[in-house]
C-alpha atoms as a PDB file:
ATOM      1  CA  MET A   1     -14.566  -9.883   3.006  1.00  0.00           C
ATOM      2  CA  LEU A   2     -12.343  -7.162   1.545  1.00  0.00           C
ATOM      3  CA  ASN A   3     -15.286  -5.218   0.143  1.00  0.00           C
ATOM      4  CA  HIS A   4     -14.983  -2.466   2.878  1.00  0.00           C
ATOM      5  CA  ALA A   5     -11.126  -2.460   2.895  1.00  0.00           C
ATOM      6  CA  ARG A   6      -9.211   0.212   1.109  1.00  0.00           C
ATOM      7  CA  PRO A   7      -7.231  -0.865  -1.900  1.00  0.00           C
ATOM      8  CA  VAL A   8      -3.323  -0.139  -2.159  1.00  0.00           C
ATOM      9  CA  CYS A   9      -1.763  -0.009  -5.614  1.00  0.00           C
ATOM     10  CA  PHE A  10       1.588  -1.011  -6.514  1.00  0.00           C
ATOM     11  CA  VAL A  11       4.252  -0.394  -9.192  1.00  0.00           C
ATOM     12  CA  ALA A  12       8.109  -0.888  -9.198  1.00  0.00           C
ATOM     13  CA  THR A  13      10.978   1.196  -9.711  1.00  0.00           C
ATOM     14  CA  ALA A  14      14.672   0.622 -10.115  1.00  0.00           C
ATOM     15  CA  ASP A  15      15.350   4.388 -10.055  1.00  0.00           C
ATOM     16  CA  ALA A  16      13.664   5.944  -7.184  1.00  0.00           C
ATOM     17  CA  GLY A  17      14.768   9.522  -7.979  1.00  0.00           C
ATOM     18  CA  ALA A  18      13.272   9.370 -11.463  1.00  0.00           C
ATOM     19  CA  ALA A  19      10.071   7.780 -10.181  1.00  0.00           C
ATOM     20  CA  ARG A  20       9.659  10.318  -7.445  1.00  0.00           C
ATOM     21  CA  ALA A  21      10.214  13.158 -10.009  1.00  0.00           C
ATOM     22  CA  PHE A  22       7.635  11.534 -12.213  1.00  0.00           C
ATOM     23  CA  TYR A  23       4.894  10.669  -9.772  1.00  0.00           C
ATOM     24  CA  GLU A  24       5.310  13.725  -7.651  1.00  0.00           C
ATOM     25  CA  GLY A  25       6.366  16.314 -10.390  1.00  0.00           C
ATOM     26  CA  CYS A  26       4.607  15.152 -13.684  1.00  0.00           C
ATOM     27  CA  LEU A  27       1.568  13.364 -12.190  1.00  0.00           C
ATOM     28  CA  GLY A  28       1.164  15.721  -9.239  1.00  0.00           C
ATOM     29  CA  LEU A  29       0.772  13.100  -6.623  1.00  0.00           C
ATOM     30  CA  ALA A  30       1.691  14.097  -2.969  1.00  0.00           C
ATOM     31  CA  LEU A  31       4.507  11.914  -1.396  1.00  0.00           C
ATOM     32  CA  ILE A  32       3.149  10.606   1.902  1.00  0.00           C
ATOM     33  CA  GLU A  33       6.106   8.405   2.968  1.00  0.00           C
ATOM     34  CA  ASP A  34       9.399   7.246   1.832  1.00  0.00           C
ATOM     35  CA  ASN A  35      10.697   4.440   4.122  1.00  0.00           C
ATOM     36  CA  GLY A  36      13.612   3.205   1.896  1.00  0.00           C
ATOM     37  CA  TYR A  37      11.562   0.248   0.697  1.00  0.00           C
ATOM     38  CA  ALA A  38       8.956   2.085  -1.093  1.00  0.00           C
ATOM     39  CA  MET A  39       7.567   5.560  -1.751  1.00  0.00           C
ATOM     40  CA  VAL A  40       3.976   5.971  -0.967  1.00  0.00           C
ATOM     41  CA  PHE A  41       1.985   8.593  -2.855  1.00  0.00           C
ATOM     42  CA  ASP A  42      -1.496   9.860  -2.256  1.00  0.00           C
ATOM     43  CA  ALA A  43      -3.557   8.968  -5.432  1.00  0.00           C
ATOM     44  CA  ASN A  44      -6.713  10.813  -4.509  1.00  0.00           C
ATOM     45  CA  GLY A  45      -7.179   8.793  -1.187  1.00  0.00           C
ATOM     46  CA  THR A  46      -5.780   5.569  -2.439  1.00  0.00           C
ATOM     47  CA  ALA A  47      -2.176   4.754  -1.605  1.00  0.00           C
ATOM     48  CA  LEU A  48       0.146   4.138  -4.448  1.00  0.00           C
ATOM     49  CA  ARG A  49       3.337   2.298  -3.248  1.00  0.00           C
ATOM     50  CA  VAL A  50       6.134   2.605  -5.777  1.00  0.00           C
ATOM     51  CA  GLN A  51       8.384  -0.139  -4.486  1.00  0.00           C
ATOM     52  CA  ARG A  52      12.099  -0.086  -4.866  1.00  0.00           C
ATOM     53  CA  VAL A  53      13.502  -3.184  -6.820  1.00  0.00           C
ATOM     54  CA  GLU A  54      16.821  -4.087  -8.370  1.00  0.00           C
ATOM     55  CA  ALA A  55      15.196  -4.396 -11.918  1.00  0.00           C
ATOM     56  CA  VAL A  56      11.754  -3.753 -13.202  1.00  0.00           C
ATOM     57  CA  ALA A  57      10.209  -6.166 -15.744  1.00  0.00           C
ATOM     58  CA  PRO A  58       7.345  -4.025 -17.254  1.00  0.00           C
ATOM     59  CA  HIS A  59       4.209  -5.855 -18.303  1.00  0.00           C
ATOM     60  CA  ALA A  60       2.798  -5.673 -21.833  1.00  0.00           C
ATOM     61  CA  TYR A  61      -0.442  -4.470 -20.333  1.00  0.00           C
ATOM     62  CA  THR A  62      -1.567  -1.639 -18.206  1.00  0.00           C
ATOM     63  CA  ALA A  63      -0.411  -1.650 -14.591  1.00  0.00           C
ATOM     64  CA  LEU A  64      -2.137   1.276 -13.206  1.00  0.00           C
ATOM     65  CA  GLY A  65      -4.770   3.787 -14.434  1.00  0.00           C
ATOM     66  CA  TRP A  66      -6.805   6.840 -13.507  1.00  0.00           C
ATOM     67  CA  GLU A  67     -10.285   7.866 -14.458  1.00  0.00           C
ATOM     68  CA  VAL A  68     -10.463  11.578 -15.443  1.00  0.00           C
ATOM     69  CA  ASP A  69     -13.279  13.786 -16.378  1.00  0.00           C
ATOM     70  CA  ASP A  70     -11.654  15.483 -19.384  1.00  0.00           C
ATOM     71  CA  LEU A  71      -9.306  13.006 -21.109  1.00  0.00           C
ATOM     72  CA  ALA A  72      -8.132  15.477 -23.836  1.00  0.00           C
ATOM     73  CA  ALA A  73      -7.142  18.204 -21.201  1.00  0.00           C
ATOM     74  CA  SER A  74      -5.444  15.418 -19.072  1.00  0.00           C
ATOM     75  CA  VAL A  75      -3.341  14.252 -22.129  1.00  0.00           C
ATOM     76  CA  HIS A  76      -2.468  17.739 -23.111  1.00  0.00           C
ATOM     77  CA  GLY A  77      -1.429  18.464 -19.490  1.00  0.00           C
ATOM     78  CA  LEU A  78       0.893  15.370 -19.441  1.00  0.00           C
ATOM     79  CA  VAL A  79       2.290  16.079 -22.807  1.00  0.00           C
ATOM     80  CA  ALA A  80       3.076  19.550 -21.713  1.00  0.00           C
ATOM     81  CA  ARG A  81       4.950  18.012 -18.673  1.00  0.00           C
ATOM     82  CA  GLY A  82       7.119  16.034 -21.029  1.00  0.00           C
ATOM     83  CA  VAL A  83       5.150  12.718 -20.890  1.00  0.00           C
ATOM     84  CA  PRO A  84       4.579  11.402 -24.374  1.00  0.00           C
ATOM     85  CA  MET A  85       1.317   9.181 -25.094  1.00  0.00           C
ATOM     86  CA  LEU A  86       1.870   5.701 -26.327  1.00  0.00           C
ATOM     87  CA  ARG A  87       0.891   4.453 -29.779  1.00  0.00           C
ATOM     88  CA  PHE A  88      -0.064   0.936 -30.537  1.00  0.00           C
ATOM     89  CA  PRO A  89       0.114  -0.462 -33.957  1.00  0.00           C
ATOM     90  CA  GLY A  90      -3.255  -1.591 -35.264  1.00  0.00           C
ATOM     91  CA  LEU A  91      -5.256   0.364 -32.573  1.00  0.00           C
ATOM     92  CA  PRO A  92      -7.098   3.347 -33.995  1.00  0.00           C
ATOM     93  CA  GLN A  93      -5.824   6.307 -32.003  1.00  0.00           C
ATOM     94  CA  ASP A  94      -6.494   9.952 -32.744  1.00  0.00           C
ATOM     95  CA  ALA A  95      -3.922  12.636 -33.206  1.00  0.00           C
ATOM     96  CA  ASP A  96      -3.527  12.881 -29.381  1.00  0.00           C
ATOM     97  CA  GLY A  97      -3.036   9.090 -28.989  1.00  0.00           C
ATOM     98  CA  ILE A  98      -6.562   8.561 -27.679  1.00  0.00           C
ATOM     99  CA  TRP A  99      -8.430   5.363 -28.527  1.00  0.00           C
ATOM    100  CA  THR A 100     -12.269   5.193 -28.468  1.00  0.00           C
ATOM    101  CA  PRO A 101     -13.514   1.594 -27.919  1.00  0.00           C
ATOM    102  CA  PRO A 102     -17.125   0.718 -29.024  1.00  0.00           C
ATOM    103  CA  ASP A 103     -18.566   1.416 -25.630  1.00  0.00           C
ATOM    104  CA  GLY A 104     -17.695   5.121 -26.134  1.00  0.00           C
ATOM    105  CA  ALA A 105     -15.051   5.389 -23.389  1.00  0.00           C
ATOM    106  CA  ARG A 106     -11.826   7.092 -24.321  1.00  0.00           C
ATOM    107  CA  VAL A 107      -8.301   5.899 -23.250  1.00  0.00           C
ATOM    108  CA  ALA A 108      -4.685   7.043 -23.560  1.00  0.00           C
ATOM    109  CA  TRP A 109      -1.632   5.326 -22.390  1.00  0.00           C
ATOM    110  CA  PHE A 110       1.993   6.448 -21.267  1.00  0.00           C
ATOM    111  CA  HIS A 111       4.995   4.977 -19.606  1.00  0.00           C
ATOM    112  CA  ASP A 112       6.548   5.873 -16.217  1.00  0.00           C
ATOM    113  CA  PRO A 113      10.315   6.103 -16.177  1.00  0.00           C
ATOM    114  CA  ASP A 114      10.698   2.371 -15.464  1.00  0.00           C
ATOM    115  CA  GLY A 115       8.511   1.444 -18.541  1.00  0.00           C
ATOM    116  CA  ASN A 116       5.294   0.562 -16.525  1.00  0.00           C
ATOM    117  CA  THR A 117       2.268   1.134 -18.617  1.00  0.00           C
ATOM    118  CA  LEU A 118      -0.243   3.728 -17.070  1.00  0.00           C
ATOM    119  CA  SER A 119      -3.476   4.839 -18.504  1.00  0.00           C
ATOM    120  CA  ILE A 120      -6.041   7.494 -18.282  1.00  0.00           C
ATOM    121  CA  THR A 121      -9.671   6.835 -19.119  1.00  0.00           C
ATOM    122  CA  GLN A 122     -12.692   8.940 -19.542  1.00  0.00           C
ATOM    123  CA  ARG A 123     -16.005   7.120 -19.290  1.00  0.00           C
ATOM    124  CA  PRO A 124     -18.683   7.626 -21.943  1.00  0.00           C
ATOM    125  CA  ALA A 125     -21.368  10.287 -21.376  1.00  0.00           C
ATOM    126  CA  ALA A 126     -24.458   8.905 -19.675  1.00  0.00           C
END
């Protein structure tokens, strides 16, 4: 039924100014709309709605992620823009904070200003 519908992604913010600066300035997403309830960004053709809320209760798991072609370059680019990568105790991550699971993919995580956990992933070479 929804296999032909376009998905919309959601995250929440209690500080719209900081969220806009992060998603637009650090991540490079274009702001499409700001209607007072949510800011909508273009995430490569998918709408990302950053909804305004009184308080954010971040999850202990990834809320949103992107697949990239060059994870190391993406990590370095984010770090250069002031976005630190997350470290997880017990998870073997390299010096850049990248984890390589058994399937050969590579993953790194970071927080947005509200503490939402975001990720970037590079699929294993075919």
